Amino acid sequence: MKGTTNEAIGNAKQGIGKTVGNDRLQAEGKVQEIKGEGQQAMGKAKDAVKDTVNRNL
C-alpha cells in the first residue's frame, strides 16, 4: 500500500510540475514514483519468500 501511495503522489507531483513549469517538482515526483515502485517490488519479493517458506513447511 505504501508503495502505491508514493507512486501515485509522485505521478501527481510530476503532472503538476509539468503543468506549472516547475522542473524541481517534476524531479521530486519522479524520485517519489521510483521510491514507490521499489517499495512495491520489495513487498512482492517478501511475499514470494513467505509463500515459498510456507509451502515447504
Protein backbone atom coordinates (compact mmCIF):
# COMPACT_ATOMS: atom_id res chain seq x y z
CA MET A 1 0.00 0.00 0.00
CA LYS A 2 2.81 2.39 0.91
CA GLY A 3 4.47 1.88 -2.47
CA THR A 4 1.26 2.51 -4.36
CA THR A 5 0.70 5.73 -2.44
CA ASN A 6 4.21 7.02 -3.11
CA GLU A 7 3.88 6.11 -6.77
CA ALA A 8 0.55 7.95 -7.09
CA ILE A 9 1.80 11.05 -5.26
CA GLY A 10 4.94 11.03 -7.40
CA ASN A 11 2.88 10.90 -10.57
CA ALA A 12 0.74 13.78 -9.34
CA LYS A 13 3.80 15.89 -8.50
CA GLN A 14 5.23 15.24 -11.94
CA GLY A 15 1.99 16.29 -13.61
CA ILE A 16 1.63 19.43 -11.54
CA GLY A 17 5.29 20.30 -12.05
CA LYS A 18 4.93 19.90 -15.80
CA THR A 19 1.74 21.97 -15.87
CA VAL A 20 3.22 24.89 -13.93
CA GLY A 21 6.70 24.58 -15.45
CA ASN A 22 8.40 23.59 -12.19
CA ASP A 23 11.30 21.27 -13.04
CA ARG A 24 12.16 20.70 -9.38
CA LEU A 25 8.64 19.47 -8.58
CA GLN A 26 8.76 17.19 -11.61
CA ALA A 27 12.07 15.74 -10.43
CA GLU A 28 10.79 15.25 -6.88
CA GLY A 29 7.77 13.48 -8.31
CA LYS A 30 9.93 11.15 -10.37
CA VAL A 31 12.05 10.27 -7.33
CA GLN A 32 8.94 9.58 -5.26
CA GLU A 33 7.44 7.46 -8.05
CA ILE A 34 10.61 5.36 -8.29
CA LYS A 35 10.64 5.00 -4.49
CA GLY A 36 7.08 3.70 -4.63
CA GLU A 37 7.94 1.23 -7.37
CA GLY A 38 10.84 -0.03 -5.26
CA GLN A 39 8.61 -0.43 -2.22
CA GLN A 40 6.12 -2.43 -4.27
CA ALA A 41 8.86 -4.68 -5.64
CA MET A 42 10.22 -5.26 -2.13
CA GLY A 43 6.76 -6.16 -0.86
CA LYS A 44 6.25 -8.64 -3.69
CA ALA A 45 9.64 -10.21 -3.01
CA LYS A 46 8.83 -10.57 0.70
CA ASP A 47 5.50 -12.19 -0.15
CA ALA A 48 7.19 -14.62 -2.53
CA VAL A 49 9.70 -15.66 0.15
CA LYS A 50 6.93 -16.12 2.72
CA ASP A 51 4.91 -18.24 0.26
CA THR A 52 7.94 -20.40 -0.52
CA VAL A 53 8.72 -20.93 3.15
CA ASN A 54 5.10 -21.75 3.98
CA ARG A 55 4.86 -24.30 1.15
CA ASN A 56 7.99 -26.06 2.34
CA LEU A 57 6.93 -26.39 5.98
